[in-house]
């Protein structure tokens, strides 16, 4: 077995949120063929209990704590250095020293970097024939541009600056790495369109779903009270696009839905809800669960799964997981970018508050929709099985 250095901005385990679902499946796949050397950070204290499990797979590792408030203070140095604030946020001398020592000691044949922010640890090291693969997943620079559109001065200035400088960095690293990957064909094409000259070095590996785990054939106890018609949103609830989606839905769409379907309940299911999200539970018909041991019971018993995202980049795992469980998903156009499902056959897309509300009400009044649920599951089976997608990864990584 050859050695492989794997760098990730977060511990790639457990697969309980979007970026870690992808990083864990890639890490586990590469570990079947390589001796793994893992360098990463932990920004969620709950992840420390999982460190022994992933260390069993590693030949060596450096796993450092990352305190978000302190990291935000460190990121301010970017205003002085003229670089994207994301880079000093994830910059630690201990990680730099460990990466250089690991490259020298083990001479890995390949380096796999998960997220552009971790590519800074490789850029200035001498090349020794190893293959360099970067999984940007999605264009973080474009996400900051979307943030800027929804913020006022001076925050929008900072976000526009971050978008511009981070894109400069993305351009630089894509020229340095042998292959740069994205989460979908659409995201790869977007990067090539906005970054001329990188086409031959850019490709994509679709996200997958654990089809046996997220399966409509499994039985789960109903977490909702009798007589409730639940609408479910899943996601990490300290992530701003999710916060924006849920607060917009709760303020703009939910009151109209509840007025027309009094038995409806909106369940916000996900870890780390901010105080703003927790406050929503004071409103009639809204439940905020916080972290749950398993999201599948909520999906399995959802009348509808909603994805009212107004800010989105890449592929939304929350949508693929719901579809895998044969749930009807009502989503905004932004939420389904990168998902090649057919609108009206595999899922439902509604643009704008009025359309979103009327679509939900119409669907709730005409339940059940077994054909649409079956089509959703079939789409995921055809396009998002991890086995096929990771086989593509092996070919791209060489």
Foldseek 3Di string as FASTA:
>chain_A
DFAEEEEEAADLDDLPADLSVVSVLLVVVVLVPHAYEYEYEHADVVCVVCVVVVVVSHPYYDYYYQHQVVLQVQLVCCVVVVAASLQSSSDDPVSLVVVQVCCVPRVGQEYEYEALSVCVSPPPDDDDNHAYEYENQAQVLVLLQLVLVPDDPPSSVSSPSNSVRSLVSVLVVLVVHQAYEYQFPLRQVVNCVVRPPNVVRYYYFHAFDPLVVLALVDDDDAPDDPLAQEEEEEHAAVDVQNVVQVVCCLVQAVVLLCVLVVRYAYEYEHADHDPSVVVSCVDPRYHYDHHDPDCNSVLSRHQEYEAAGPRDIHAHVRLLSSLSSLHAYEYEPRHCVRPPDDDPQQYHYAHDNVRSNVVVNVSVVDDDDNRNSVSSNVSSVVRHHSVVSVVVVVVSSD
